[in-house]
PDB file of N, CA and C in Angstrom:
ATOM      1  N   MET A   1     113.002 143.245  86.089  1.00  0.00           N
ATOM      2  CA  MET A   1     112.364 142.043  85.582  1.00  0.00           C
ATOM      3  C   MET A   1     111.648 142.408  84.277  1.00  0.00           C
ATOM      4  N   ASN A   2     111.793 141.550  83.279  1.00  0.00           N
ATOM      5  CA  ASN A   2     111.097 141.807  82.019  1.00  0.00           C
ATOM      6  C   ASN A   2     109.802 141.009  81.963  1.00  0.00           C
ATOM      7  N   ILE A   3     109.015 141.284  80.959  1.00  0.00           N
ATOM      8  CA  ILE A   3     107.692 140.663  80.847  1.00  0.00           C
ATOM      9  C   ILE A   3     107.774 139.144  80.691  1.00  0.00           C
ATOM     10  N   GLU A   4     108.785 138.649  79.977  1.00  0.00           N
ATOM     11  CA  GLU A   4     108.928 137.204  79.788  1.00  0.00           C
ATOM     12  C   GLU A   4     109.184 136.497  81.118  1.00  0.00           C
ATOM     13  N   ASP A   5     110.047 137.070  81.929  1.00  0.00           N
ATOM     14  CA  ASP A   5     110.330 136.479  83.239  1.00  0.00           C
ATOM     15  C   ASP A   5     109.080 136.471  84.113  1.00  0.00           C
ATOM     16  N   TYR A   6     108.327 137.560  84.059  1.00  0.00           N
ATOM     17  CA  TYR A   6     107.105 137.655  84.844  1.00  0.00           C
ATOM     18  C   TYR A   6     106.092 136.589  84.420  1.00  0.00           C
ATOM     19  N   VAL A   7     105.892 136.451  83.117  1.00  0.00           N
ATOM     20  CA  VAL A   7     104.914 135.488  82.599  1.00  0.00           C
ATOM     21  C   VAL A   7     105.333 134.065  82.926  1.00  0.00           C
ATOM     22  N   VAL A   8     106.598 133.745  82.743  1.00  0.00           N
ATOM     23  CA  VAL A   8     107.076 132.398  83.061  1.00  0.00           C
ATOM     24  C   VAL A   8     106.928 132.124  84.560  1.00  0.00           C
ATOM     25  N   GLY A   9     107.250 133.091  85.381  1.00  0.00           N
ATOM     26  CA  GLY A   9     107.109 132.919  86.820  1.00  0.00           C
ATOM     27  C   GLY A   9     105.663 132.666  87.226  1.00  0.00           C
ATOM     28  N   LYS A  10     104.740 133.433  86.652  1.00  0.00           N
ATOM     29  CA  LYS A  10     103.324 133.247  86.968  1.00  0.00           C
ATOM     30  C   LYS A  10     102.815 131.905  86.453  1.00  0.00           C
ATOM     31  N   ALA A  11     103.275 131.483  85.283  1.00  0.00           N
ATOM     32  CA  ALA A  11     102.864 130.181  84.744  1.00  0.00           C
ATOM     33  C   ALA A  11     103.351 129.055  85.647  1.00  0.00           C
ATOM     34  N   LEU A  12     104.575 129.141  86.123  1.00  0.00           N
ATOM     35  CA  LEU A  12     105.097 128.121  87.036  1.00  0.00           C
ATOM     36  C   LEU A  12     104.355 128.144  88.366  1.00  0.00           C
ATOM     37  N   ASP A  13     104.033 129.328  88.867  1.00  0.00           N
ATOM     38  CA  ASP A  13     103.237 129.420  90.100  1.00  0.00           C
ATOM     39  C   ASP A  13     101.913 128.685  89.915  1.00  0.00           C
ATOM     40  N   GLY A  14     101.260 128.912  88.790  1.00  0.00           N
ATOM     41  CA  GLY A  14      99.986 128.253  88.510  1.00  0.00           C
ATOM     42  C   GLY A  14     100.135 126.754  88.383  1.00  0.00           C
ATOM     43  N   LEU A  15     101.189 126.325  87.727  1.00  0.00           N
ATOM     44  CA  LEU A  15     101.428 124.887  87.554  1.00  0.00           C
ATOM     45  C   LEU A  15     101.623 124.204  88.898  1.00  0.00           C
ATOM     46  N   PHE A  16     102.464 124.772  89.748  1.00  0.00           N
ATOM     47  CA  PHE A  16     102.710 124.167  91.051  1.00  0.00           C
ATOM     48  C   PHE A  16     101.467 124.227  91.934  1.00  0.00           C
ATOM     49  N   TYR A  17     100.648 125.253  91.780  1.00  0.00           N
ATOM     50  CA  TYR A  17      99.387 125.324  92.514  1.00  0.00           C
ATOM     51  C   TYR A  17      98.480 124.162  92.120  1.00  0.00           C
ATOM     52  N   MET A  18      98.374 123.909  90.823  1.00  0.00           N
ATOM     53  CA  MET A  18      97.518 122.823  90.340  1.00  0.00           C
ATOM     54  C   MET A  18      98.050 121.460  90.788  1.00  0.00           C
ATOM     55  N   VAL A  19      99.356 121.277  90.771  1.00  0.00           N
ATOM     56  CA  VAL A  19      99.951 120.020  91.243  1.00  0.00           C
ATOM     57  C   VAL A  19      99.628 119.820  92.725  1.00  0.00           C
ATOM     58  N   ALA A  20      99.723 120.878  93.511  1.00  0.00           N
ATOM     59  CA  ALA A  20      99.415 120.782  94.941  1.00  0.00           C
ATOM     60  C   ALA A  20      97.945 120.420  95.158  1.00  0.00           C
ATOM     61  N   GLN A  21      97.061 120.980  94.355  1.00  0.00           N
ATOM     62  CA  GLN A  21      95.636 120.661  94.474  1.00  0.00           C
ATOM     63  C   GLN A  21      95.391 119.182  94.176  1.00  0.00           C
ATOM     64  N   GLU A  22      96.017 118.668  93.130  1.00  0.00           N
ATOM     65  CA  GLU A  22      95.850 117.257  92.772  1.00  0.00           C
ATOM     66  C   GLU A  22      96.432 116.345  93.849  1.00  0.00           C
ATOM     67  N   GLU A  23      97.578 116.721  94.412  1.00  0.00           N
ATOM     68  CA  GLU A  23      98.179 115.906  95.469  1.00  0.00           C
ATOM     69  C   GLU A  23      97.261 115.851  96.685  1.00  0.00           C
ATOM     70  N   THR A  24      96.684 116.971  97.055  1.00  0.00           N
ATOM     71  CA  THR A  24      95.748 117.009  98.177  1.00  0.00           C
ATOM     72  C   THR A  24      94.560 116.099  97.909  1.00  0.00           C
ATOM     73  N   LYS A  25      94.042 116.151  96.694  1.00  0.00           N
ATOM     74  CA  LYS A  25      92.897 115.312  96.330  1.00  0.00           C
ATOM     75  C   LYS A  25      93.266 113.827  96.432  1.00  0.00           C
ATOM     76  N   MET A  26      94.452 113.466  95.963  1.00  0.00           N
ATOM     77  CA  MET A  26      94.871 112.060  95.996  1.00  0.00           C
ATOM     78  C   MET A  26      95.095 111.574  97.419  1.00  0.00           C
ATOM     79  N   ARG A  27      95.594 112.442  98.278  1.00  0.00           N
ATOM     80  CA  ARG A  27      95.823 112.042  99.669  1.00  0.00           C
ATOM     81  C   ARG A  27      94.511 111.845 100.409  1.00  0.00           C
ATOM     82  N   LYS A  28      93.495 112.636 100.084  1.00  0.00           N
ATOM     83  CA  LYS A  28      92.206 112.548 100.769  1.00  0.00           C
ATOM     84  C   LYS A  28      91.296 111.472 100.191  1.00  0.00           C
ATOM     85  N   ASN A  29      91.417 111.189  98.906  1.00  0.00           N
ATOM     86  CA  ASN A  29      90.489 110.279  98.240  1.00  0.00           C
ATOM     87  C   ASN A  29      91.255 109.159  97.542  1.00  0.00           C
ATOM     88  N   PRO A  30      91.262 107.962  98.102  1.00  0.00           N
ATOM     89  CA  PRO A  30      91.992 106.849  97.486  1.00  0.00           C
ATOM     90  C   PRO A  30      91.537 106.545  96.060  1.00  0.00           C
ATOM     91  N   ALA A  31      90.296 106.841  95.715  1.00  0.00           N
ATOM     92  CA  ALA A  31      89.810 106.587  94.356  1.00  0.00           C
ATOM     93  C   ALA A  31      90.486 107.489  93.335  1.00  0.00           C
ATOM     94  N   ALA A  32      91.086 108.599  93.776  1.00  0.00           N
ATOM     95  CA  ALA A  32      91.780 109.510  92.866  1.00  0.00           C
ATOM     96  C   ALA A  32      93.160 108.970  92.467  1.00  0.00           C
ATOM     97  N   ARG A  33      93.594 107.895  93.116  1.00  0.00           N
ATOM     98  CA  ARG A  33      94.893 107.278  92.799  1.00  0.00           C
ATOM     99  C   ARG A  33      94.662 106.284  91.672  1.00  0.00           C
ATOM    100  N   VAL A  34      94.677 106.789  90.450  1.00  0.00           N
ATOM    101  CA  VAL A  34      94.211 106.007  89.312  1.00  0.00           C
ATOM    102  C   VAL A  34      95.277 105.153  88.640  1.00  0.00           C
ATOM    103  N   THR A  35      96.540 105.330  88.984  1.00  0.00           N
ATOM    104  CA  THR A  35      97.584 104.507  88.372  1.00  0.00           C
ATOM    105  C   THR A  35      98.324 103.737  89.461  1.00  0.00           C
ATOM    106  N   SER A  36      99.000 102.694  89.055  1.00  0.00           N
ATOM    107  CA  SER A  36      99.746 101.889  90.029  1.00  0.00           C
ATOM    108  C   SER A  36     100.854 102.706  90.688  1.00  0.00           C
ATOM    109  N   VAL A  37     101.448 103.619  89.951  1.00  0.00           N
ATOM    110  CA  VAL A  37     102.507 104.456  90.521  1.00  0.00           C
ATOM    111  C   VAL A  37     101.921 105.365  91.598  1.00  0.00           C
ATOM    112  N   LEU A  38     100.776 105.984  91.309  1.00  0.00           N
ATOM    113  CA  LEU A  38     100.151 106.840  92.309  1.00  0.00           C
ATOM    114  C   LEU A  38      99.719 106.039  93.529  1.00  0.00           C
ATOM    115  N   ARG A  39      99.203 104.846  93.320  1.00  0.00           N
ATOM    116  CA  ARG A  39      98.823 104.010  94.464  1.00  0.00           C
ATOM    117  C   ARG A  39     100.040 103.647  95.306  1.00  0.00           C
ATOM    118  N   GLU A  40     101.168 103.404  94.645  1.00  0.00           N
ATOM    119  CA  GLU A  40     102.391 103.068  95.384  1.00  0.00           C
ATOM    120  C   GLU A  40     102.914 104.276  96.164  1.00  0.00           C
ATOM    121  N   VAL A  41     102.892 105.436  95.544  1.00  0.00           N
ATOM    122  CA  VAL A  41     103.429 106.646  96.185  1.00  0.00           C
ATOM    123  C   VAL A  41     102.540 107.087  97.344  1.00  0.00           C
ATOM    124  N   PHE A  42     101.217 107.082  97.142  1.00  0.00           N
ATOM    125  CA  PHE A  42     100.303 107.609  98.141  1.00  0.00           C
ATOM    126  C   PHE A  42      99.613 106.536  98.973  1.00  0.00           C
ATOM    127  N   GLY A  43      99.984 105.280  98.754  1.00  0.00           N
ATOM    128  CA  GLY A  43      99.330 104.180  99.477  1.00  0.00           C
ATOM    129  C   GLY A  43      99.730 104.145 100.932  1.00  0.00           C
ATOM    130  N   ARG A  44      99.001 103.339 101.667  1.00  0.00           N
ATOM    131  CA  ARG A  44      99.308 103.192 103.091  1.00  0.00           C
ATOM    132  C   ARG A  44     100.580 102.383 103.278  1.00  0.00           C
ATOM    133  N   ARG A  45     101.265 102.677 104.339  1.00  0.00           N
ATOM    134  CA  ARG A  45     102.520 101.972 104.612  1.00  0.00           C
ATOM    135  C   ARG A  45     102.341 101.029 105.758  1.00  0.00           C
TER     136      ARG A  45
END
């Protein structure tokens, strides 16, 4: 593995970690669903 592959892999790991944190926040707190798309995706069924 070269340094570029390592850096890109770590950057993607960090990105997906942050996305997961935001998704958790939106699922727990309805006020975090700030757009109509987010309200539709995470809204009650």
